[in-house]
Amino acid sequence: MFLKLMAMYSAAFLPVVIGLDRQAAVLNPLGSRSGVRKLLGAAWGLSFLLALPQLFLFHTVHRAGPVPFTQCVTKGSFKARWQETTYNLFTFRCLFLLPLTAMAICYSHIVLSVSSPQTRKGSHGETPIPRP
């Protein structure tokens, strides 16, 4: 379950890194791209850290029954229902809302900067040649 959640976090955080890289490329086209590796490392590190509780919450349960099976469950990991709800809400925020907000900010910043009056002139400060 740890690897499953880590894969989900990394799949959510890597598009954020792509958005940040695109923002840097559009807003500063001649700038250095040295920070991309650090952002990728941060995305993978954050994925690892946020998935870490799964190692302690899930455990296997063996059932003999008519068909024996083993299942990975969280039963008994939380002392109260509110703790499980809090953990699930935290996971939802980190897995969905945080990346969504970051990408919305990045791409809206790109759109606003590209559609600003300065960039619409096309010549970036040069005066147009008057027509007779």
N, C-alpha and C. Protein backbone atom coordinates (compact mmCIF):
# COMPACT_ATOMS: atom_id res chain seq x y z
N MET A 1 0.83 -1.19 0.00
CA MET A 1 0.00 0.00 0.00
C MET A 1 0.87 1.26 0.00
N PHE A 2 2.06 1.15 0.59
CA PHE A 2 2.99 2.28 0.57
C PHE A 2 3.38 2.63 -0.86
N LEU A 3 3.77 1.63 -1.63
CA LEU A 3 4.18 1.87 -3.02
C LEU A 3 3.02 2.37 -3.87
N LYS A 4 1.84 1.88 -3.59
CA LYS A 4 0.66 2.32 -4.33
C LYS A 4 0.40 3.80 -4.09
N LEU A 5 0.44 4.24 -2.84
CA LEU A 5 0.19 5.64 -2.53
C LEU A 5 1.35 6.52 -2.99
N MET A 6 2.58 6.02 -2.90
CA MET A 6 3.72 6.79 -3.38
C MET A 6 3.61 7.03 -4.89
N ALA A 7 3.16 6.04 -5.62
CA ALA A 7 2.96 6.19 -7.06
C ALA A 7 1.86 7.21 -7.35
N MET A 8 0.82 7.22 -6.53
CA MET A 8 -0.25 8.19 -6.72
C MET A 8 0.23 9.61 -6.43
N TYR A 9 1.00 9.77 -5.35
CA TYR A 9 1.56 11.09 -5.03
C TYR A 9 2.50 11.57 -6.12
N SER A 10 3.38 10.70 -6.59
CA SER A 10 4.33 11.12 -7.62
C SER A 10 3.60 11.46 -8.91
N ALA A 11 2.54 10.72 -9.23
CA ALA A 11 1.75 11.03 -10.42
C ALA A 11 1.02 12.36 -10.28
N ALA A 12 0.77 12.80 -9.07
CA ALA A 12 0.13 14.09 -8.85
C ALA A 12 1.14 15.23 -8.79
N PHE A 13 2.34 14.96 -8.26
CA PHE A 13 3.34 16.01 -8.09
C PHE A 13 4.17 16.28 -9.33
N LEU A 14 4.39 15.28 -10.17
CA LEU A 14 5.22 15.49 -11.36
C LEU A 14 4.58 16.46 -12.36
N PRO A 15 3.26 16.46 -12.58
CA PRO A 15 2.70 17.53 -13.42
C PRO A 15 2.88 18.93 -12.84
N VAL A 16 2.96 19.03 -11.52
CA VAL A 16 3.23 20.32 -10.90
C VAL A 16 4.64 20.78 -11.28
N VAL A 17 5.60 19.86 -11.24
CA VAL A 17 6.98 20.19 -11.65
C VAL A 17 7.00 20.60 -13.12
N ILE A 18 6.24 19.91 -13.95
CA ILE A 18 6.17 20.27 -15.36
C ILE A 18 5.58 21.67 -15.51
N GLY A 19 4.54 21.98 -14.76
CA GLY A 19 3.94 23.31 -14.80
C GLY A 19 4.90 24.39 -14.35
N LEU A 20 5.67 24.12 -13.29
CA LEU A 20 6.66 25.09 -12.83
C LEU A 20 7.76 25.30 -13.87
N ASP A 21 8.17 24.21 -14.53
CA ASP A 21 9.19 24.33 -15.56
C ASP A 21 8.65 25.11 -16.76
N ARG A 22 7.42 24.86 -17.15
CA ARG A 22 6.82 25.61 -18.25
C ARG A 22 6.70 27.09 -17.90
N GLN A 23 6.32 27.36 -16.67
CA GLN A 23 6.21 28.75 -16.23
C GLN A 23 7.56 29.44 -16.33
N ALA A 24 8.60 28.78 -15.88
CA ALA A 24 9.95 29.36 -15.97
C ALA A 24 10.36 29.54 -17.42
N ALA A 25 10.01 28.60 -18.28
CA ALA A 25 10.39 28.70 -19.69
C ALA A 25 9.65 29.83 -20.40
N VAL A 26 8.40 30.06 -20.05
CA VAL A 26 7.63 31.12 -20.70
C VAL A 26 8.01 32.49 -20.15
N LEU A 27 8.13 32.59 -18.84
CA LEU A 27 8.39 33.90 -18.24
C LEU A 27 9.85 34.32 -18.33
N ASN A 28 10.76 33.36 -18.40
CA ASN A 28 12.18 33.66 -18.50
C ASN A 28 12.81 32.70 -19.50
N PRO A 29 12.58 32.92 -20.81
CA PRO A 29 13.00 31.93 -21.81
C PRO A 29 14.51 31.70 -21.89
N LEU A 30 15.30 32.66 -21.55
CA LEU A 30 16.75 32.51 -21.64
C LEU A 30 17.39 32.13 -20.30
N GLY A 31 16.57 31.91 -19.30
CA GLY A 31 17.07 31.59 -17.97
C GLY A 31 17.59 30.17 -17.84
N SER A 32 18.26 29.93 -16.76
CA SER A 32 18.84 28.61 -16.47
C SER A 32 17.74 27.64 -16.03
N ARG A 33 17.90 26.38 -16.37
CA ARG A 33 16.96 25.33 -15.98
C ARG A 33 17.58 24.41 -14.92
N SER A 34 18.49 24.92 -14.14
CA SER A 34 19.19 24.08 -13.17
C SER A 34 18.30 23.64 -12.01
N GLY A 35 17.22 24.35 -11.76
CA GLY A 35 16.35 24.02 -10.63
C GLY A 35 15.41 22.87 -10.88
N VAL A 36 15.31 22.39 -12.12
CA VAL A 36 14.36 21.33 -12.44
C VAL A 36 14.72 20.03 -11.72
N ARG A 37 15.98 19.71 -11.66
CA ARG A 37 16.39 18.48 -10.96
C ARG A 37 16.05 18.55 -9.48
N LYS A 38 16.22 19.73 -8.90
CA LYS A 38 15.87 19.89 -7.48
C LYS A 38 14.37 19.74 -7.28
N LEU A 39 13.58 20.30 -8.20
CA LEU A 39 12.13 20.16 -8.10
C LEU A 39 11.69 18.71 -8.25
N LEU A 40 12.32 18.00 -9.18
CA LEU A 40 12.01 16.57 -9.33
C LEU A 40 12.35 15.79 -8.07
N GLY A 41 13.51 16.08 -7.50
CA GLY A 41 13.90 15.43 -6.24
C GLY A 41 12.94 15.75 -5.11
N ALA A 42 12.49 17.00 -5.07
CA ALA A 42 11.53 17.40 -4.04
C ALA A 42 10.20 16.70 -4.24
N ALA A 43 9.77 16.54 -5.49
CA ALA A 43 8.50 15.85 -5.76
C ALA A 43 8.58 14.39 -5.32
N TRP A 44 9.67 13.72 -5.66
CA TRP A 44 9.82 12.31 -5.26
C TRP A 44 10.00 12.18 -3.74
N GLY A 45 10.76 13.09 -3.15
CA GLY A 45 10.95 13.05 -1.69
C GLY A 45 9.65 13.30 -0.94
N LEU A 46 8.87 14.26 -1.42
CA LEU A 46 7.59 14.55 -0.79
C LEU A 46 6.62 13.38 -0.97
N SER A 47 6.68 12.74 -2.13
CA SER A 47 5.85 11.55 -2.35
C SER A 47 6.20 10.45 -1.36
N PHE A 48 7.48 10.25 -1.15
CA PHE A 48 7.95 9.24 -0.20
C PHE A 48 7.48 9.58 1.22
N LEU A 49 7.68 10.83 1.64
CA LEU A 49 7.32 11.21 3.01
C LEU A 49 5.82 11.14 3.26
N LEU A 50 5.03 11.58 2.29
CA LEU A 50 3.58 11.57 2.50
C LEU A 50 2.99 10.17 2.44
N ALA A 51 3.67 9.24 1.77
CA ALA A 51 3.19 7.85 1.72
C ALA A 51 3.70 7.03 2.89
N LEU A 52 4.65 7.52 3.62
CA LEU A 52 5.27 6.79 4.73
C LEU A 52 4.29 6.27 5.78
N PRO A 53 3.24 7.02 6.17
CA PRO A 53 2.31 6.48 7.16
C PRO A 53 1.65 5.17 6.75
N GLN A 54 1.58 4.90 5.45
CA GLN A 54 0.97 3.65 4.99
C GLN A 54 1.70 2.43 5.56
N LEU A 55 3.01 2.56 5.76
CA LEU A 55 3.78 1.44 6.30
C LEU A 55 3.33 1.06 7.71
N PHE A 56 2.79 2.03 8.44
CA PHE A 56 2.40 1.79 9.82
C PHE A 56 0.90 1.56 9.99
N LEU A 57 0.11 2.02 9.02
CA LEU A 57 -1.35 1.89 9.14
C LEU A 57 -1.87 0.56 8.61
N PHE A 58 -1.27 0.05 7.57
CA PHE A 58 -1.76 -1.19 6.96
C PHE A 58 -1.03 -2.40 7.51
N HIS A 59 -1.78 -3.46 7.65
CA HIS A 59 -1.22 -4.75 8.06
C HIS A 59 -2.02 -5.86 7.37
N THR A 60 -1.45 -7.04 7.35
CA THR A 60 -2.12 -8.14 6.65
C THR A 60 -2.95 -8.96 7.62
N VAL A 61 -4.07 -9.43 7.11
CA VAL A 61 -4.97 -10.30 7.87
C VAL A 61 -5.14 -11.57 7.05
N HIS A 62 -4.98 -12.70 7.72
CA HIS A 62 -5.13 -14.00 7.06
C HIS A 62 -6.47 -14.61 7.47
N ARG A 63 -7.21 -15.09 6.50
CA ARG A 63 -8.49 -15.75 6.76
C ARG A 63 -8.43 -17.17 6.20
N ALA A 64 -8.90 -18.11 7.02
CA ALA A 64 -8.89 -19.51 6.58
C ALA A 64 -10.12 -19.79 5.73
N GLY A 65 -11.32 -19.59 6.26
CA GLY A 65 -12.57 -19.75 5.53
C GLY A 65 -12.58 -20.89 4.52
N PRO A 66 -13.61 -20.92 3.69
CA PRO A 66 -13.67 -21.95 2.65
C PRO A 66 -12.55 -21.75 1.61
N VAL A 67 -12.25 -20.49 1.33
CA VAL A 67 -11.14 -20.18 0.42
C VAL A 67 -10.15 -19.29 1.20
N PRO A 68 -8.99 -19.81 1.54
CA PRO A 68 -8.05 -19.00 2.33
C PRO A 68 -7.51 -17.82 1.51
N PHE A 69 -7.38 -16.68 2.19
CA PHE A 69 -6.82 -15.51 1.52
C PHE A 69 -6.13 -14.60 2.54
N THR A 70 -5.33 -13.72 2.03
CA THR A 70 -4.64 -12.71 2.84
C THR A 70 -5.02 -11.35 2.28
N GLN A 71 -5.35 -10.42 3.19
CA GLN A 71 -5.79 -9.10 2.77
C GLN A 71 -5.05 -8.03 3.57
N CYS A 72 -4.75 -6.92 2.92
CA CYS A 72 -4.09 -5.78 3.55
C CYS A 72 -5.17 -4.81 4.01
N VAL A 73 -5.24 -4.54 5.32
CA VAL A 73 -6.33 -3.72 5.87
C VAL A 73 -5.78 -2.70 6.86
N THR A 74 -6.64 -1.73 7.20
CA THR A 74 -6.31 -0.74 8.23
C THR A 74 -7.11 -0.98 9.50
N LYS A 75 -7.88 -2.03 9.53
CA LYS A 75 -8.73 -2.31 10.69
C LYS A 75 -7.88 -2.37 11.96
N GLY A 76 -8.26 -1.55 12.93
CA GLY A 76 -7.54 -1.52 14.20
C GLY A 76 -6.38 -0.53 14.22
N SER A 77 -6.12 0.15 13.11
CA SER A 77 -5.01 1.11 13.07
C SER A 77 -5.39 2.44 13.68
N PHE A 78 -6.66 2.79 13.65
CA PHE A 78 -7.13 4.06 14.21
C PHE A 78 -7.96 3.77 15.45
N LYS A 79 -7.71 4.55 16.51
CA LYS A 79 -8.44 4.34 17.76
C LYS A 79 -9.86 4.91 17.69
N ALA A 80 -10.04 5.98 16.92
CA ALA A 80 -11.36 6.60 16.79
C ALA A 80 -11.66 6.88 15.31
N ARG A 81 -12.93 6.98 15.01
CA ARG A 81 -13.36 7.22 13.62
C ARG A 81 -12.85 8.55 13.09
N TRP A 82 -12.79 9.58 13.98
CA TRP A 82 -12.36 10.91 13.53
C TRP A 82 -10.89 10.90 13.09
N GLN A 83 -10.08 10.01 13.66
CA GLN A 83 -8.68 9.93 13.25
C GLN A 83 -8.56 9.44 11.81
N GLU A 84 -9.35 8.44 11.48
CA GLU A 84 -9.34 7.92 10.11
C GLU A 84 -9.86 8.97 9.13
N THR A 85 -10.91 9.69 9.54
CA THR A 85 -11.46 10.75 8.70
C THR A 85 -10.44 11.87 8.49
N THR A 86 -9.74 12.24 9.55
CA THR A 86 -8.72 13.27 9.45
C THR A 86 -7.59 12.84 8.53
N TYR A 87 -7.16 11.60 8.65
CA TYR A 87 -6.10 11.10 7.78
C TYR A 87 -6.55 11.08 6.32
N ASN A 88 -7.77 10.64 6.06
CA ASN A 88 -8.29 10.61 4.70
C ASN A 88 -8.43 12.01 4.11
N LEU A 89 -8.86 12.98 4.91
CA LEU A 89 -8.96 14.36 4.44
C LEU A 89 -7.58 14.95 4.16
N PHE A 90 -6.62 14.64 5.01
CA PHE A 90 -5.24 15.09 4.79
C PHE A 90 -4.69 14.52 3.48
N THR A 91 -4.93 13.24 3.26
CA THR A 91 -4.48 12.59 2.02
C THR A 91 -5.17 13.22 0.81
N PHE A 92 -6.45 13.49 0.90
CA PHE A 92 -7.19 14.13 -0.19
C PHE A 92 -6.61 15.50 -0.50
N ARG A 93 -6.32 16.26 0.52
CA ARG A 93 -5.77 17.61 0.31
C ARG A 93 -4.40 17.55 -0.35
N CYS A 94 -3.56 16.65 0.13
CA CYS A 94 -2.20 16.55 -0.42
C CYS A 94 -2.18 15.91 -1.80
N LEU A 95 -3.09 14.99 -2.05
CA LEU A 95 -3.08 14.24 -3.30
C LEU A 95 -3.84 14.95 -4.41
N PHE A 96 -4.83 15.76 -4.06
CA PHE A 96 -5.65 16.40 -5.09
C PHE A 96 -5.63 17.92 -5.02
N LEU A 97 -5.97 18.50 -3.88
CA LEU A 97 -6.11 19.95 -3.79
C LEU A 97 -4.78 20.70 -3.92
N LEU A 98 -3.74 20.21 -3.28
CA LEU A 98 -2.44 20.88 -3.35
C LEU A 98 -1.90 20.92 -4.79
N PRO A 99 -1.83 19.78 -5.50
CA PRO A 99 -1.36 19.84 -6.90
C PRO A 99 -2.28 20.67 -7.80
N LEU A 100 -3.59 20.56 -7.60
CA LEU A 100 -4.53 21.33 -8.42
C LEU A 100 -4.32 22.82 -8.23
N THR A 101 -4.17 23.25 -7.00
CA THR A 101 -3.94 24.67 -6.71
C THR A 101 -2.63 25.15 -7.31
N ALA A 102 -1.57 24.36 -7.14
CA ALA A 102 -0.26 24.75 -7.68
C ALA A 102 -0.30 24.86 -9.20
N MET A 103 -0.93 23.91 -9.86
CA MET A 103 -1.01 23.96 -11.33
C MET A 103 -1.90 25.11 -11.79
N ALA A 104 -2.99 25.38 -11.09
CA ALA A 104 -3.86 26.49 -11.46
C ALA A 104 -3.12 27.81 -11.34
N ILE A 105 -2.31 27.96 -10.30
CA ILE A 105 -1.53 29.19 -10.12
C ILE A 105 -0.49 29.32 -11.23
N CYS A 106 0.23 28.23 -11.52
CA CYS A 106 1.27 28.27 -12.57
C CYS A 106 0.68 28.65 -13.92
N TYR A 107 -0.35 27.94 -14.33
CA TYR A 107 -0.89 28.16 -15.66
C TYR A 107 -1.65 29.47 -15.77
N SER A 108 -2.30 29.91 -14.70
CA SER A 108 -2.95 31.23 -14.77
C SER A 108 -1.89 32.33 -14.83
N HIS A 109 -0.78 32.14 -14.15
CA HIS A 109 0.32 33.11 -14.23
C HIS A 109 0.87 33.17 -15.65
N ILE A 110 0.99 32.02 -16.30
CA ILE A 110 1.46 31.98 -17.69
C ILE A 110 0.46 32.70 -18.60
N VAL A 111 -0.81 32.40 -18.46
CA VAL A 111 -1.84 33.01 -19.31
C VAL A 111 -1.88 34.52 -19.10
N LEU A 112 -1.82 34.94 -17.86
CA LEU A 112 -1.86 36.39 -17.58
C LEU A 112 -0.64 37.10 -18.13
N SER A 113 0.51 36.48 -18.05
CA SER A 113 1.71 37.15 -18.56
C SER A 113 1.74 37.17 -20.08
N VAL A 114 1.25 36.12 -20.72
CA VAL A 114 1.23 36.07 -22.19
C VAL A 114 0.17 37.02 -22.75
N SER A 115 -0.93 37.16 -22.05
CA SER A 115 -2.02 38.00 -22.55
C SER A 115 -1.95 39.44 -22.04
N SER A 116 -0.88 39.83 -21.40
CA SER A 116 -0.75 41.20 -20.90
C SER A 116 -0.55 42.16 -22.07
N PRO A 117 -0.89 43.43 -21.92
CA PRO A 117 -0.75 44.40 -23.02
C PRO A 117 0.68 44.53 -23.54
N GLN A 118 1.67 44.33 -22.71
CA GLN A 118 3.07 44.43 -23.16
C GLN A 118 3.39 43.38 -24.21
N THR A 119 2.93 42.16 -24.02
CA THR A 119 3.27 41.09 -24.95
C THR A 119 2.38 41.10 -26.19
N ARG A 120 1.23 41.76 -26.15
CA ARG A 120 0.35 41.81 -27.31
C ARG A 120 0.87 42.74 -28.40
N LYS A 121 1.72 43.70 -28.06
CA LYS A 121 2.25 44.62 -29.06
C LYS A 121 3.11 43.89 -30.06
N GLY A 122 3.79 42.86 -29.65
CA GLY A 122 4.59 42.05 -30.55
C GLY A 122 6.00 42.55 -30.74
N SER A 123 6.23 43.84 -30.58
CA SER A 123 7.57 44.36 -30.83
C SER A 123 8.32 44.66 -29.54
N HIS A 124 7.68 44.53 -28.41
CA HIS A 124 8.30 44.70 -27.09
C HIS A 124 9.07 46.01 -26.97
N GLY A 125 8.39 47.11 -27.15
CA GLY A 125 9.01 48.40 -26.89
C GLY A 125 9.47 49.14 -28.13
N GLU A 126 9.59 48.48 -29.25
CA GLU A 126 10.00 49.18 -30.46
C GLU A 126 8.81 49.97 -30.97
N THR A 127 9.07 51.14 -31.50
CA THR A 127 7.99 51.94 -32.02
C THR A 127 7.67 51.50 -33.44
N PRO A 128 6.40 51.35 -33.74
CA PRO A 128 6.04 50.93 -35.10
C PRO A 128 6.31 52.02 -36.12
N ILE A 129 6.58 51.61 -37.33
CA ILE A 129 6.84 52.57 -38.40
C ILE A 129 5.50 53.15 -38.84
N PRO A 130 5.37 54.50 -38.81
CA PRO A 130 4.08 55.11 -39.18
C PRO A 130 3.82 54.96 -40.68
N ARG A 131 2.57 54.74 -41.01
CA ARG A 131 2.17 54.62 -42.41
C ARG A 131 1.68 55.98 -42.90
N PRO A 132 2.04 56.30 -44.13
CA PRO A 132 1.57 57.60 -44.69
C PRO A 132 0.12 57.59 -45.09
